Structures are given as structure tokens and as C-alpha cells.
Protein backbone atom coordinates (compact mmCIF):
# COMPACT_ATOMS: atom_id res chain seq x y z
CA MET A 1 -1.58 25.94 -35.61
CA PHE A 2 -1.34 24.46 -32.02
CA ASP A 3 1.59 21.94 -30.60
CA LEU A 4 -1.20 20.25 -28.71
CA ILE A 5 -5.26 20.02 -28.76
CA ILE A 6 -6.79 18.13 -25.69
CA GLU A 7 -9.80 17.04 -27.02
CA ASN A 8 -13.09 16.70 -25.34
CA ALA A 9 -12.09 17.34 -21.66
CA SER A 10 -14.20 18.06 -18.78
CA VAL A 11 -12.81 21.46 -17.81
CA VAL A 12 -12.60 22.79 -14.06
CA ASP A 13 -11.43 26.44 -14.98
CA GLY A 14 -11.11 27.52 -11.36
CA SER A 15 -13.98 30.17 -11.51
CA GLY A 16 -16.53 28.08 -9.22
CA GLU A 17 -18.83 27.32 -12.23
CA GLU A 18 -19.56 23.92 -13.20
CA PRO A 19 -17.46 21.77 -15.21
CA PHE A 20 -17.73 22.24 -19.10
CA THR A 21 -16.74 20.19 -22.28
CA ALA A 22 -14.20 21.55 -24.38
CA ASP A 23 -10.75 21.31 -26.50
CA ILE A 24 -7.84 23.18 -25.09
CA GLY A 25 -5.24 24.35 -27.65
CA ILE A 26 -1.89 24.67 -26.36
CA ALA A 27 1.34 26.41 -28.24
CA GLY A 28 4.77 26.36 -26.84
CA ASP A 29 4.04 26.25 -22.87
CA ARG A 30 0.90 28.34 -23.01
CA ILE A 31 -2.59 27.57 -23.54
CA GLU A 32 -3.82 29.48 -26.10
CA GLU A 33 -7.60 28.61 -26.37
CA ILE A 34 -10.14 26.86 -25.17
CA GLY A 35 -13.57 25.96 -26.86
CA ASP A 36 -14.68 24.08 -29.83
CA LEU A 37 -11.25 23.28 -31.97
CA THR A 38 -12.93 20.83 -34.34
CA GLY A 39 -10.88 20.50 -37.24
CA VAL A 40 -8.08 23.22 -36.00
CA GLU A 41 -4.69 22.18 -37.00
CA ALA A 42 -2.20 20.60 -34.25
CA ALA A 43 0.76 18.74 -34.19
CA ALA A 44 -0.63 16.36 -31.75
CA ARG A 45 -4.11 15.49 -30.41
CA LEU A 46 -5.10 13.78 -26.93
CA ASP A 47 -8.52 12.36 -26.62
CA ALA A 48 -9.33 13.59 -22.80
CA SER A 49 -12.71 12.18 -22.88
CA GLY A 50 -13.96 10.97 -19.43
CA LYS A 51 -11.41 12.62 -17.64
CA THR A 52 -10.81 16.30 -16.09
CA VAL A 53 -8.59 19.10 -16.79
CA CYS A 54 -8.24 22.02 -14.06
CA PRO A 55 -5.42 24.52 -12.73
CA GLY A 56 -2.59 23.24 -11.28
CA PHE A 57 -2.89 22.71 -7.43
CA ILE A 58 -1.00 24.79 -5.11
CA ASP A 59 0.06 22.98 -2.03
CA VAL A 60 0.36 25.77 0.80
CA HIS A 61 2.42 23.38 3.23
CA SER A 62 5.21 21.81 1.79
CA HIS A 63 9.04 21.10 2.78
CA ALA A 64 9.78 20.64 -1.05
CA ASP A 65 12.42 23.71 -0.73
CA LEU A 66 14.75 21.38 1.39
CA ALA A 67 15.78 19.54 -1.66
CA LEU A 68 16.88 22.32 -4.27
CA PHE A 69 20.34 21.77 -3.10
CA ARG A 70 20.21 18.61 -4.47
CA GLU A 71 21.11 18.18 -8.24
CA ASP A 72 18.58 15.60 -8.45
CA HIS A 73 15.73 17.90 -6.78
CA ALA A 74 13.78 17.58 -10.18
CA GLU A 75 13.48 13.74 -10.06
CA ILE A 76 12.61 13.98 -6.40
CA LEU A 77 9.57 16.51 -6.93
CA SER A 78 8.06 14.52 -10.02
CA PRO A 79 5.47 13.09 -7.91
CA LEU A 80 4.07 16.15 -6.92
CA VAL A 81 3.46 17.23 -10.45
CA ARG A 82 2.25 13.66 -11.05
CA GLN A 83 -0.28 14.31 -8.37
CA GLY A 84 -1.04 17.71 -10.13
CA ILE A 85 0.76 20.19 -7.80
CA THR A 86 2.39 22.88 -10.01
CA THR A 87 3.07 25.37 -7.52
CA TYR A 88 4.55 25.07 -3.82
CA VAL A 89 4.99 27.21 -0.63
CA GLY A 90 8.01 26.48 0.83
CA GLY A 91 9.78 27.63 4.16
CA ASN A 92 7.45 26.15 6.48
CA CYS A 93 7.63 25.54 10.37
CA GLY A 94 10.21 28.10 10.67
CA MET A 95 12.48 25.55 8.20
CA ALA A 96 14.21 26.65 4.87
CA LEU A 97 17.59 26.59 3.39
CA ALA A 98 18.16 30.42 3.79
CA PRO A 99 19.09 32.81 4.92
CA ILE A 100 22.44 31.61 5.67
CA THR A 101 24.71 34.20 7.86
CA GLU A 102 28.35 34.13 8.77
CA GLU A 103 27.21 34.50 12.50
CA HIS A 104 26.44 31.57 13.94
CA LYS A 105 27.15 29.66 10.93
CA ASP A 106 28.15 26.54 12.85
CA GLY A 107 24.49 26.27 14.38
CA LEU A 108 22.96 26.75 11.25
CA GLN A 109 24.89 24.22 9.62
CA MET A 110 24.25 21.75 12.15
CA TYR A 111 20.32 22.44 11.88
CA LEU A 112 20.52 22.23 7.99
CA GLU A 113 22.71 18.72 8.34
CA VAL A 114 20.19 17.31 10.73
CA PHE A 115 17.06 18.15 8.38
CA THR A 116 18.61 17.35 5.24
CA GLN A 117 21.43 15.17 5.52
CA MET A 118 23.39 17.91 3.12
CA ASP A 119 27.11 18.23 3.03
CA PHE A 120 27.11 21.76 4.49
CA GLU A 121 30.34 23.24 2.80
CA LYS A 122 29.62 21.39 -0.39
CA SER A 123 25.94 22.04 -1.07
CA VAL A 124 25.43 25.47 0.40
CA ARG A 125 26.12 28.29 -2.81
CA TRP A 126 23.83 31.15 -1.18
CA ASP A 127 23.80 32.98 1.78
CA SER A 128 20.80 35.38 1.73
CA MET A 129 17.03 34.64 0.70
CA ALA A 130 17.85 36.92 -2.36
CA SER A 131 20.66 34.62 -3.33
CA PHE A 132 19.04 31.64 -2.73
CA MET A 133 16.26 32.63 -5.22
CA ASP A 134 19.14 33.95 -7.53
CA MET A 135 20.06 30.18 -7.46
CA MET A 136 16.62 28.81 -8.12
CA ASP A 137 16.07 30.97 -10.84
CA ALA A 138 19.62 30.01 -12.74
CA GLU A 139 19.28 26.50 -12.16
CA GLY A 140 15.48 25.93 -12.63
CA MET A 141 12.78 24.12 -11.16
CA LEU A 142 10.34 21.49 -12.15
CA LEU A 143 7.41 23.35 -9.90
CA ASN A 144 6.79 27.11 -9.32
CA CYS A 145 7.65 28.14 -5.53
CA ALA A 146 6.62 30.66 -3.28
CA MET A 147 9.07 31.27 0.02
CA LEU A 148 8.59 31.92 3.22
CA ALA A 149 10.94 33.33 5.78
CA PRO A 150 11.91 30.95 8.12
CA HIS A 151 11.94 31.99 11.87
CA GLY A 152 13.94 29.30 12.98
CA MET A 153 16.92 29.75 10.61
CA MET A 154 16.99 33.56 11.37
CA ARG A 155 16.43 32.92 15.40
CA ILE A 156 19.55 30.59 15.26
CA SER A 157 21.31 33.67 13.17
CA ALA A 158 20.56 35.84 15.75
CA CYS A 159 20.85 33.71 18.77
CA GLY A 160 22.87 30.78 18.15
CA LEU A 161 21.79 27.32 19.55
CA GLU A 162 20.74 29.12 23.00
CA THR A 163 17.93 27.99 25.08
CA ARG A 164 16.60 31.10 26.12
CA LEU A 165 14.30 34.22 25.27
CA ALA A 166 16.19 36.51 22.56
CA THR A 167 17.48 39.63 23.93
CA GLY A 168 15.98 43.26 22.09
CA ASP A 169 19.06 43.24 20.02
CA GLU A 170 18.38 39.79 18.77
CA VAL A 171 14.59 40.48 18.39
CA ALA A 172 16.19 43.35 16.32
CA ARG A 173 18.29 41.38 13.96
CA MET A 174 15.81 38.72 13.16
CA ARG A 175 13.46 41.77 11.99
CA ARG A 176 16.39 43.13 9.89
CA SER A 177 16.89 39.46 8.58
CA LEU A 178 13.07 39.05 7.79
CA GLU A 179 12.84 42.44 5.84
CA GLU A 180 15.82 41.70 3.48
CA SER A 181 14.01 38.05 2.81
CA LEU A 182 10.90 40.27 2.03
CA GLU A 183 12.46 42.65 0.09
CA ALA A 184 14.01 39.87 -1.60
CA GLY A 185 10.56 38.22 -2.57
CA ALA A 186 9.38 36.04 0.45
CA PHE A 187 5.62 35.76 0.84
CA GLY A 188 5.64 36.19 4.43
CA LEU A 189 7.19 34.49 7.66
CA SER A 190 6.81 31.08 8.87
CA THR A 191 7.40 30.07 12.72
CA GLY A 192 7.83 26.15 14.13
CA LEU A 193 6.77 27.06 18.03
CA GLN A 194 6.37 23.39 18.57
CA TYR A 195 10.18 22.27 18.48
CA PHE A 196 13.64 24.31 18.75
CA PRO A 197 14.40 27.04 18.43
CA GLY A 198 10.99 28.10 17.79
CA ASN A 199 9.74 26.70 21.17
CA GLN A 200 12.08 29.53 22.83
CA SER A 201 10.41 32.45 21.46
CA ASP A 202 7.75 34.33 23.09
CA THR A 203 4.70 36.24 22.16
CA GLU A 204 6.59 39.56 22.32
CA GLU A 205 9.35 38.25 20.28
CA LEU A 206 6.38 36.80 17.36
CA VAL A 207 4.34 40.38 17.53
CA GLU A 208 7.93 42.03 16.55
CA LEU A 209 8.50 39.95 13.91
CA GLY A 210 4.65 40.28 13.07
CA LYS A 211 5.38 44.08 12.77
CA SER A 212 7.69 43.46 9.74
CA VAL A 213 5.43 41.24 8.00
CA ALA A 214 2.57 43.45 8.46
CA LYS A 215 4.66 46.19 6.84
CA TYR A 216 5.21 44.14 3.76
CA GLY A 217 1.66 42.88 3.34
CA GLY A 218 2.71 39.56 4.00
CA ILE A 219 1.20 36.43 5.79
CA PHE A 220 2.47 34.78 9.02
CA THR A 221 2.15 31.40 9.08
CA SER A 222 2.88 28.77 12.10
CA HIS A 223 3.46 24.97 13.56
CA LEU A 224 1.58 25.77 16.81
CA ARG A 225 3.24 25.09 19.78
CA SER A 226 0.38 22.56 20.68
CA TYR A 227 -2.82 21.81 18.96
CA ARG A 228 -4.49 20.56 21.89
CA THR A 229 -4.23 23.83 23.56
CA LEU A 230 -6.52 25.29 20.88
CA ARG A 231 -9.02 22.55 21.22
CA ASP A 232 -9.32 22.41 24.78
CA ASN A 233 -8.59 25.84 25.62
CA PRO A 234 -9.65 28.08 22.87
CA HIS A 235 -9.30 31.18 25.33
CA PRO A 236 -5.93 30.86 27.36
């Protein structure tokens, strides 16, 4: 017996094949069967004639993770689910809620409070990317989340709010923080090079961090310094 059967849906299964009409049998929180379920027992049936059923969308550039410190984050993020989004990638543009270090903590506090209007002392109940993910698991989330390690946060941890290039020791500190985040389950690194603090980095710094990303098989995604540069001068 199914808890729910969605009947007569136009199913797009993500394989690249043409849509097909079928019923979808759901038990608990899992799809158990797709096919002709005429006459199969179910607690409820939903007629989806004329409607499409497909896998949830993945929003690969989101800042939904910046709401996770709030008690009402499920309500805030509910419009994403109503749009069909079931997974998002957070930590984009070099900005996320973790990691947070004791070193240059005042700079991190200022940075987070500007972006999120949070009460830092009251809201922050994690430090590393690992403990942030533990908090997400313990408190639960409305959507699935894949996190990127944020260059901006790690740069402030290493350099403070300085407007200068990072030293070799500071880049090494960023690499250690990045690798700790990747070990914890971050999918890669994001940078926000068009604004502070990412705009203070140079190619050498980014290449060094990229070596750690490559070591873990992660991805490197970036908010670029200038879109015009790529359009008007693709080979600087």
C-alpha cells in the first residue's frame, strides 16, 4: 500500500528521454514505483492530469545558507520549494556563515552582521565548517544543501580587514582552513573577487588555494572581478 499515488502525471525523469505519462507511488518519503498503478491501494490519490512531475531543481548559485542561523529559516526558504527547488549550493561569492576563527573574530563579526543583520554573539553557535554542518544536521533544513568553502571568510580569518595582498604565511593559513572545510564535506571553494575582501587577492593567492581544491577533487567557482573584462578582452 502506498501513502500517496500521483496519477496521470507527465513524468520528466531527468534521463533526457521524452516525457511519459505514468502514476507515481510514494511510501513515506520515498518514490517506490513509477508506472501504471491503476487499482493499487493508496491512502490518498492525486490527479496530476495536464501537469508535469520531475526531479527537484538544483540551484547552483544561492545564498539561502545565510538564513540558516535564524529560527524561522524554514519559513523564509519555503518559496524555493514552491518553485521546485529541492537542493541548493551555498557559500557562493566567498561568503558563508562558517568557518569562524578566534583570530580576527571581530572582522568576521562585522562582515557577517553587515550581510545578514544577525546578532553575532547570540546567533553564532558553531566555529568550523564541520561544526556548522553538524548544526545543520541537528536542527534540520527544509532543503538539501551543498556547501562551498568561502574565500572571503577565510581571508578575513587570515588577514583581518586589511586592504593589501596576503603574505605567504597568511595564504598557508587560508589553505589549512580550506582543507579543513573540504575534509568536513565542503564541495569546493568560492571566491567573490569583485568586492572586499576578495578584491584584495592576486592570482598567486588563488592558484595556491586552487591546489588544495584540486587535491580534494573539489570545484572552484567565482564571482568574477569584472564581467566586462571577459567580454571585451577575453585574452588579457
